[in-house]
N, C-alpha and C. Protein backbone atom coordinates (compact mmCIF):
# COMPACT_ATOMS: atom_id res chain seq x y z
N MET A 1 194.71 11.77 49.06
CA MET A 1 194.14 13.57 48.50
C MET A 1 195.17 14.24 48.27
N PHE A 2 195.35 13.90 49.92
CA PHE A 2 196.14 15.12 50.56
C PHE A 2 198.02 14.72 50.72
N PRO A 3 198.45 15.39 50.27
CA PRO A 3 198.36 16.98 50.27
C PRO A 3 198.28 17.31 49.01
N LEU A 4 197.37 18.11 48.53
CA LEU A 4 196.93 18.53 47.32
C LEU A 4 198.51 18.97 46.38
N ARG A 5 198.25 17.73 45.08
CA ARG A 5 199.46 18.40 44.19
C ARG A 5 199.10 19.04 42.51
N PHE A 6 200.38 19.25 42.05
CA PHE A 6 200.10 19.85 40.40
C PHE A 6 200.83 19.25 39.77
N ALA A 7 200.73 19.32 38.80
CA ALA A 7 202.30 18.79 37.67
C ALA A 7 202.06 19.61 36.39
N LYS A 8 200.91 20.27 36.39
CA LYS A 8 200.79 21.68 35.83
C LYS A 8 200.25 22.78 36.56
N HIS A 9 200.65 23.77 35.85
CA HIS A 9 200.30 25.19 36.41
C HIS A 9 200.17 26.35 35.26
N ASP A 10 198.88 27.17 35.76
CA ASP A 10 198.71 28.83 34.69
C ASP A 10 199.44 29.62 35.16
N PHE A 11 199.64 30.93 34.56
CA PHE A 11 200.73 31.71 35.12
C PHE A 11 200.44 33.05 34.51
N GLN A 12 200.13 34.06 35.28
CA GLN A 12 200.05 35.31 35.04
C GLN A 12 200.83 36.44 35.32
N VAL A 13 201.22 37.64 35.07
CA VAL A 13 202.25 38.58 35.61
C VAL A 13 200.84 40.08 35.49
N PHE A 14 201.41 40.89 36.87
CA PHE A 14 200.76 41.85 37.20
C PHE A 14 202.61 42.77 37.81
N CYS A 15 202.48 43.91 36.86
CA CYS A 15 203.26 45.10 37.50
C CYS A 15 202.76 46.61 37.71
N TYR A 16 203.02 46.94 38.98
CA TYR A 16 203.05 48.01 39.91
C TYR A 16 203.77 48.74 39.99
N ASN A 17 203.51 50.16 40.07
CA ASN A 17 204.64 51.35 40.71
C ASN A 17 205.87 51.45 39.86
N THR A 18 205.85 50.22 38.57
CA THR A 18 207.54 50.62 38.06
C THR A 18 207.36 51.46 36.91
N ILE A 19 208.34 52.08 36.32
CA ILE A 19 208.83 52.82 35.11
C ILE A 19 208.12 52.02 34.24
N ARG A 20 209.29 51.18 33.92
CA ARG A 20 209.09 49.79 33.16
C ARG A 20 209.33 48.67 33.58
N CYS A 21 208.31 47.71 33.05
CA CYS A 21 208.61 46.02 33.48
C CYS A 21 208.41 45.24 32.26
N HIS A 22 209.48 44.50 32.23
CA HIS A 22 208.98 43.02 31.44
C HIS A 22 209.31 41.78 31.71
N VAL A 23 208.52 40.74 31.86
CA VAL A 23 208.55 39.77 32.24
C VAL A 23 208.83 38.47 31.12
N VAL A 24 209.97 37.31 31.19
CA VAL A 24 209.58 36.10 30.10
C VAL A 24 209.67 35.13 31.21
N TYR A 25 208.89 34.06 30.78
CA TYR A 25 208.54 32.65 31.36
C TYR A 25 208.27 31.72 30.37
N ASP A 26 208.61 30.53 30.51
CA ASP A 26 208.62 29.44 29.71
C ASP A 26 208.11 30.02 28.33
N ASP A 27 209.38 30.72 27.87
CA ASP A 27 209.52 31.51 26.37
C ASP A 27 208.32 31.98 26.06
N PHE A 28 207.72 32.58 26.93
CA PHE A 28 206.50 33.79 26.85
C PHE A 28 206.84 35.35 27.49
N ASN A 29 206.61 35.69 26.53
CA ASN A 29 206.49 37.20 26.77
C ASN A 29 205.35 37.67 27.87
N PHE A 30 205.55 37.69 28.96
CA PHE A 30 204.52 37.89 30.32
C PHE A 30 203.90 39.68 29.99
N THR A 31 205.02 40.44 29.38
CA THR A 31 205.13 41.94 29.90
C THR A 31 203.49 42.65 29.43
N PRO A 32 202.65 43.45 30.70
CA PRO A 32 201.81 43.45 30.49
C PRO A 32 201.66 44.57 29.07
N TYR A 33 200.65 45.26 28.76
CA TYR A 33 200.40 46.41 27.52
C TYR A 33 201.07 46.88 27.83
N LYS A 34 202.13 47.52 26.96
CA LYS A 34 202.68 48.58 27.31
C LYS A 34 204.00 49.03 28.10
N ALA A 35 203.80 47.86 29.50
CA ALA A 35 204.38 47.81 30.55
C ALA A 35 206.09 48.38 30.39
N ASP A 36 206.96 47.67 29.11
CA ASP A 36 207.88 47.63 28.73
C ASP A 36 208.27 49.64 28.48
N GLU A 37 207.05 50.00 27.98
CA GLU A 37 207.42 51.56 27.55
C GLU A 37 206.84 52.41 28.24
N ARG A 38 205.99 52.64 29.11
CA ARG A 38 205.94 53.39 30.11
C ARG A 38 205.02 52.87 31.47
N PRO A 39 204.95 53.91 32.56
CA PRO A 39 205.40 53.14 33.70
C PRO A 39 203.78 52.68 34.33
N SER A 40 203.92 52.15 35.00
CA SER A 40 202.79 50.91 35.64
C SER A 40 201.94 52.15 36.47
N SER A 41 200.99 52.07 36.94
CA SER A 41 199.61 52.35 37.88
C SER A 41 200.21 51.86 39.39
N ALA A 42 200.01 52.27 40.12
CA ALA A 42 199.67 51.83 41.39
C ALA A 42 198.50 50.70 41.95
N PRO A 43 198.20 49.62 42.37
CA PRO A 43 197.55 48.72 42.51
C PRO A 43 195.82 49.92 42.87
N SER A 44 194.67 49.57 42.42
CA SER A 44 193.63 49.93 42.41
C SER A 44 192.97 50.18 43.76
N SER A 45 193.18 49.44 44.99
CA SER A 45 193.08 49.39 45.99
C SER A 45 193.49 48.27 46.99
N ALA A 46 193.37 48.22 48.18
CA ALA A 46 193.99 47.34 49.04
C ALA A 46 193.95 46.25 49.00
N ASP A 47 192.81 46.15 48.81
CA ASP A 47 192.56 44.55 48.61
C ASP A 47 192.67 43.97 46.73
N TYR A 48 193.30 44.41 46.25
CA TYR A 48 193.67 44.68 44.48
C TYR A 48 193.78 43.08 44.14
N ARG A 49 194.68 42.00 45.04
CA ARG A 49 195.02 40.64 44.94
C ARG A 49 193.60 39.61 44.91
N ASP A 50 192.69 40.21 45.91
CA ASP A 50 191.13 39.43 46.12
C ASP A 50 190.86 39.74 44.41
N HIS A 51 190.82 40.91 43.59
CA HIS A 51 190.18 40.67 42.59
C HIS A 51 190.93 40.10 41.37
N TRP A 52 191.90 39.72 41.86
CA TRP A 52 193.02 39.02 40.08
C TRP A 52 191.57 38.10 39.89
N PRO A 53 191.76 38.00 38.39
CA PRO A 53 191.18 36.59 37.91
C PRO A 53 191.86 35.60 38.10
N PHE A 54 191.56 34.48 37.20
CA PHE A 54 192.54 33.41 37.46
C PHE A 54 193.57 33.51 36.24
N ALA A 55 194.91 33.05 36.66
CA ALA A 55 195.73 33.08 35.64
C ALA A 55 195.01 32.93 34.16
N SER A 56 195.95 33.19 33.13
CA SER A 56 195.20 33.37 32.00
C SER A 56 196.01 32.04 30.92
N TYR A 57 197.80 32.18 30.82
CA TYR A 57 198.19 31.72 30.12
C TYR A 57 198.61 30.27 30.87
N LEU A 58 197.66 29.18 30.24
CA LEU A 58 197.19 27.96 30.65
C LEU A 58 198.48 26.62 30.61
N GLY A 59 198.43 25.59 31.37
CA GLY A 59 199.01 24.59 31.14
C GLY A 59 200.69 24.29 31.23
N ILE A 60 200.59 25.11 31.87
CA ILE A 60 202.51 24.96 31.97
C ILE A 60 203.16 23.65 32.35
N ARG A 61 203.56 23.10 32.19
CA ARG A 61 204.25 21.77 32.67
C ARG A 61 205.10 22.08 33.32
N ASN A 62 205.28 21.34 35.07
CA ASN A 62 206.72 21.74 36.02
C ASN A 62 207.86 21.03 35.47
N PHE A 63 208.47 22.22 35.75
CA PHE A 63 208.88 23.53 36.00
C PHE A 63 209.99 23.85 34.45
N PRO A 64 209.39 25.22 33.82
CA PRO A 64 210.24 25.72 32.72
C PRO A 64 211.57 26.05 33.34
N PRO A 65 212.42 26.71 32.40
CA PRO A 65 213.64 27.94 33.33
C PRO A 65 213.00 28.48 34.07
N PRO A 66 213.64 29.18 35.13
CA PRO A 66 213.35 30.85 35.99
C PRO A 66 212.60 31.55 34.92
N ALA A 67 211.76 32.67 35.54
CA ALA A 67 211.20 34.09 34.85
C ALA A 67 212.05 34.80 34.89
N GLU A 68 212.39 35.81 33.58
CA GLU A 68 213.67 36.14 33.72
C GLU A 68 212.57 37.80 33.82
N VAL A 69 212.59 38.62 34.94
CA VAL A 69 212.46 39.85 34.84
C VAL A 69 213.33 41.00 34.68
N ASN A 70 212.76 42.17 34.34
CA ASN A 70 214.18 43.22 33.85
C ASN A 70 212.81 44.32 33.80
N TRP A 71 213.08 45.17 35.08
CA TRP A 71 212.36 46.23 35.34
C TRP A 71 213.20 48.00 35.96
N THR A 72 212.47 48.82 35.85
CA THR A 72 212.84 49.87 36.44
C THR A 72 211.76 50.50 37.70
N SER A 73 212.60 50.62 38.46
CA SER A 73 211.44 50.47 39.86
C SER A 73 211.60 52.20 39.75
N LEU A 74 210.07 53.10 40.72
CA LEU A 74 210.08 54.00 40.70
C LEU A 74 210.81 54.87 41.00
N ASP A 75 212.23 54.85 41.68
CA ASP A 75 213.35 55.61 42.04
C ASP A 75 214.24 55.75 40.62
N GLY A 76 214.19 54.89 39.44
CA GLY A 76 214.76 54.95 38.22
C GLY A 76 215.78 53.93 38.24
N ALA A 77 215.76 53.53 39.27
CA ALA A 77 217.07 51.80 39.46
C ALA A 77 216.69 50.69 38.40
N ALA A 78 217.19 50.17 37.49
CA ALA A 78 216.91 49.61 36.78
C ALA A 78 217.86 48.05 37.41
N HIS A 79 217.00 47.15 37.42
CA HIS A 79 216.76 45.82 37.79
C HIS A 79 216.75 44.47 37.01
N THR A 80 217.37 43.53 37.33
CA THR A 80 217.44 42.28 36.31
C THR A 80 217.05 41.33 37.92
N ALA A 81 216.24 40.09 37.40
CA ALA A 81 216.26 39.20 38.18
C ALA A 81 215.72 37.99 37.48
N LYS A 82 215.90 36.62 37.98
CA LYS A 82 215.54 35.57 37.67
C LYS A 82 215.00 34.87 39.07
N VAL A 83 213.52 34.77 38.99
CA VAL A 83 212.61 34.03 39.69
C VAL A 83 212.62 32.59 39.53
N ASP A 84 213.59 31.58 40.35
CA ASP A 84 212.89 30.14 39.62
C ASP A 84 211.86 29.46 40.32
N ILE A 85 210.80 29.64 39.83
CA ILE A 85 209.34 29.50 40.22
C ILE A 85 209.15 27.72 40.44
N GLY A 86 210.28 26.76 39.67
CA GLY A 86 210.28 25.56 40.35
C GLY A 86 211.00 25.74 41.28
N ALA A 87 212.13 26.16 41.95
CA ALA A 87 212.36 26.23 43.21
C ALA A 87 211.42 26.38 44.74
N ILE A 88 211.00 27.46 44.13
CA ILE A 88 209.52 28.08 44.91
C ILE A 88 208.42 26.62 45.43
N PHE A 89 208.13 26.70 44.29
CA PHE A 89 207.32 25.20 43.97
C PHE A 89 207.63 23.62 44.01
N LYS A 90 208.60 24.01 44.27
CA LYS A 90 209.51 22.00 44.45
C LYS A 90 208.90 20.94 44.31
N ASP A 91 208.14 21.04 45.99
CA ASP A 91 207.26 19.83 46.00
C ASP A 91 206.07 19.93 45.39
N GLU A 92 205.51 20.44 44.75
CA GLU A 92 204.73 20.44 43.57
C GLU A 92 203.11 20.83 44.48
N ARG A 93 203.09 21.34 45.58
CA ARG A 93 201.99 21.11 46.85
C ARG A 93 201.25 22.29 46.49
N VAL A 94 200.04 22.04 46.42
CA VAL A 94 199.00 23.52 46.10
C VAL A 94 198.73 24.23 47.31
N LEU A 95 198.92 25.44 47.34
CA LEU A 95 199.24 26.41 48.84
C LEU A 95 197.28 26.32 48.70
N TYR A 96 196.92 26.76 49.93
CA TYR A 96 195.11 26.76 50.12
C TYR A 96 195.13 27.10 51.44
N SER A 97 193.90 27.39 51.83
CA SER A 97 193.43 27.88 53.21
C SER A 97 192.48 27.28 53.83
N VAL A 98 191.84 26.35 52.88
CA VAL A 98 190.91 25.41 53.15
C VAL A 98 191.81 23.70 54.12
N PRO A 99 190.69 23.76 55.64
CA PRO A 99 191.55 22.62 56.11
C PRO A 99 190.67 21.35 55.16
N ASP A 100 191.64 20.54 55.17
CA ASP A 100 191.39 18.94 54.42
C ASP A 100 190.41 18.85 54.70
N ALA A 101 190.22 18.84 55.99
CA ALA A 101 188.81 18.04 56.12
C ALA A 101 187.49 18.73 55.52
N GLU A 102 187.27 20.26 55.28
CA GLU A 102 186.45 20.45 54.67
C GLU A 102 186.40 20.26 53.05
N ILE A 103 187.14 19.88 52.50
CA ILE A 103 187.55 19.38 50.81
C ILE A 103 186.80 18.37 50.82
N PRO A 104 186.01 18.29 49.83
CA PRO A 104 184.98 17.10 49.33
C PRO A 104 186.15 15.97 48.61
N ASP A 105 185.80 14.95 49.21
CA ASP A 105 186.87 13.91 48.48
C ASP A 105 186.53 13.64 46.61
N ARG A 106 187.95 13.25 46.18
CA ARG A 106 188.34 13.91 44.74
C ARG A 106 187.90 14.65 44.17
N SER A 107 187.82 15.96 45.12
CA SER A 107 187.49 17.46 44.07
C SER A 107 188.63 18.09 43.78
N TRP A 108 189.62 17.70 44.07
CA TRP A 108 190.58 18.24 43.31
C TRP A 108 191.30 17.66 42.26
N SER A 109 191.44 18.11 40.80
CA SER A 109 192.08 17.82 39.78
C SER A 109 192.31 18.96 38.63
N GLY A 110 192.55 20.22 39.22
CA GLY A 110 193.08 21.25 38.77
C GLY A 110 194.26 21.59 38.40
N GLU A 111 194.85 22.91 38.22
CA GLU A 111 195.77 23.27 37.75
C GLU A 111 195.90 25.17 38.53
N PRO A 112 196.60 24.89 39.59
CA PRO A 112 196.99 26.64 40.46
C PRO A 112 197.01 27.39 39.34
N GLY A 113 196.65 28.79 39.83
CA GLY A 113 197.72 29.80 39.01
C GLY A 113 198.61 30.60 40.00
N ILE A 114 199.50 30.54 39.21
CA ILE A 114 200.87 30.83 39.55
C ILE A 114 200.92 32.53 39.15
N PHE A 115 201.10 33.19 40.25
CA PHE A 115 200.96 34.73 39.91
C PHE A 115 202.52 35.39 40.01
N LEU A 116 202.56 36.27 39.72
CA LEU A 116 204.00 37.01 39.64
C LEU A 116 203.93 38.50 39.70
N GLU A 117 204.43 39.14 40.76
CA GLU A 117 203.80 40.32 40.65
C GLU A 117 205.19 41.33 41.28
N VAL A 118 205.46 42.30 40.40
CA VAL A 118 206.23 43.47 40.45
C VAL A 118 205.74 44.44 40.76
N ASN A 119 206.32 44.80 42.34
CA ASN A 119 205.77 46.08 42.74
C ASN A 119 206.65 47.29 42.96
N ASP A 120 207.00 47.93 42.67
CA ASP A 120 208.32 49.05 42.67
C ASP A 120 209.39 48.35 43.03
N ARG A 121 210.05 47.77 43.70
CA ARG A 121 211.48 46.89 43.83
C ARG A 121 211.36 45.49 44.90
N THR A 122 209.90 44.97 44.49
CA THR A 122 209.63 43.84 45.30
C THR A 122 209.35 43.16 44.10
N ILE A 123 209.23 42.24 44.39
CA ILE A 123 208.86 40.82 43.46
C ILE A 123 208.04 40.00 44.57
N SER A 124 207.01 39.78 44.20
CA SER A 124 206.25 38.48 44.63
C SER A 124 205.61 37.41 44.31
N VAL A 125 205.12 36.12 44.78
CA VAL A 125 204.64 35.10 43.67
C VAL A 125 204.17 34.78 44.69
N TYR A 126 202.66 34.14 44.15
CA TYR A 126 201.68 33.80 44.84
C TYR A 126 201.32 32.77 43.95
N MET A 127 200.27 31.75 45.07
CA MET A 127 199.36 30.97 43.96
C MET A 127 197.91 31.44 44.25
N LYS A 128 197.03 30.89 43.46
CA LYS A 128 195.58 31.16 43.61
C LYS A 128 195.09 29.49 43.23
N ALA A 129 194.51 29.16 43.64
CA ALA A 129 193.99 27.67 43.47
C ALA A 129 192.18 27.47 43.44
N PHE A 130 191.44 27.04 42.57
CA PHE A 130 190.07 26.74 42.84
C PHE A 130 190.30 25.39 43.89
N ILE A 131 189.55 25.77 45.17
CA ILE A 131 189.49 24.30 46.02
C ILE A 131 187.80 24.81 46.49
N ALA A 132 187.38 23.15 45.57
CA ALA A 132 185.81 22.92 46.43
C ALA A 132 186.08 23.27 48.47
N THR A 133 184.78 23.27 48.88
CA THR A 133 184.65 23.33 50.19
C THR A 133 182.81 22.51 50.21
N ARG A 134 183.12 21.79 51.19
CA ARG A 134 181.52 21.20 51.34
C ARG A 134 180.93 21.91 51.95
N ALA A 135 180.79 22.91 52.35
CA ALA A 135 179.81 24.26 53.11
C ALA A 135 179.95 24.89 52.07
N GLU A 136 178.67 26.24 52.15
CA GLU A 136 178.63 26.80 51.07
C GLU A 136 179.56 27.86 52.24
N GLN A 137 180.16 29.01 51.16
CA GLN A 137 181.66 30.33 51.84
C GLN A 137 180.14 31.96 52.06
N ILE A 138 179.47 31.35 51.08
CA ILE A 138 178.18 32.88 51.97
C ILE A 138 176.69 31.91 51.73
N PRO A 139 176.48 31.75 53.23
CA PRO A 139 175.29 31.25 53.10
C PRO A 139 173.71 31.37 53.05
N GLY A 140 173.68 30.26 52.35
CA GLY A 140 172.39 31.00 51.19
C GLY A 140 172.59 30.90 49.87
N ASN A 141 173.90 30.66 49.75
CA ASN A 141 174.49 31.11 47.96
C ASN A 141 174.84 29.37 47.57
N LYS A 142 173.96 28.75 46.78
CA LYS A 142 174.56 27.08 46.76
C LYS A 142 176.12 27.25 45.78
N ASP A 143 175.84 28.30 44.89
CA ASP A 143 177.35 28.66 44.15
C ASP A 143 178.41 28.73 45.06
N SER A 144 178.28 28.92 46.06
CA SER A 144 179.54 29.18 46.84
C SER A 144 180.32 27.95 47.86
N ASP A 145 180.48 26.77 47.07
CA ASP A 145 180.77 26.02 48.19
C ASP A 145 182.68 25.73 47.00
N PHE A 146 182.77 27.07 47.62
CA PHE A 146 184.86 27.18 46.26
C PHE A 146 185.56 28.10 47.74
N ARG A 147 186.99 28.21 47.58
CA ARG A 147 187.71 29.44 48.10
C ARG A 147 188.75 29.42 47.06
N ASP A 148 189.02 30.61 46.79
CA ASP A 148 189.98 30.77 45.54
C ASP A 148 190.83 31.96 46.41
N ASP A 149 191.52 31.39 47.60
CA ASP A 149 192.56 32.86 47.93
C ASP A 149 193.89 32.41 47.27
N VAL A 150 194.34 33.98 47.05
CA VAL A 150 195.47 34.41 46.82
C VAL A 150 196.76 34.31 47.88
N ILE A 151 197.78 33.01 48.29
CA ILE A 151 198.35 33.05 49.29
C ILE A 151 199.87 33.33 48.22
N LEU A 152 200.54 33.69 49.35
CA LEU A 152 201.76 34.63 49.31
C LEU A 152 202.08 33.03 49.33
N ALA A 153 203.82 33.21 48.18
CA ALA A 153 204.52 32.05 48.29
C ALA A 153 206.10 32.45 48.20
N TRP A 154 206.36 33.06 48.28
CA TRP A 154 207.60 34.16 47.94
C TRP A 154 207.88 35.27 47.90
N THR A 155 208.85 36.06 48.43
CA THR A 155 208.99 37.89 48.17
C THR A 155 209.99 38.26 48.42
N HIS A 156 210.81 38.93 48.03
CA HIS A 156 212.21 39.66 47.70
C HIS A 156 212.15 40.90 47.34
N THR A 157 212.68 42.18 47.76
CA THR A 157 213.13 43.10 47.82
C THR A 157 214.24 43.61 47.22
N TYR A 158 214.63 44.39 46.38
CA TYR A 158 215.63 45.00 45.65
C TYR A 158 216.21 45.84 45.98
């Protein structure tokens, strides 16, 4: 079963601290509501990534052409970038923080979520995967036998 691998992935975009933000990936416009028309806010808390839901655009076969990102940072500078998700995850390995010995046999069959975050002048790419665990993560909570950590895969400041 190890290393855990994926053939399809889910995708989501978050924009923070931008005057405008526009992202296209897999021929889909991921621009958050009105983000290409008005400024995006700062993250709501220091641990905001821990509150990201699972990615909402499902079942993307690995890997379409790079994501096209056009945005204006808070200083008014316009930026354009191509983020090659396929190059970042070329080995198709799932990123997770659970030791292999703590993952039950034959428990992986999912699609990880890949998140592209634009935050002022920085683009970052993260992965979040639902990883089953042998033990409860919250003692006494039988429904806590998993981890879904958000793990940084790539970042670049423009």
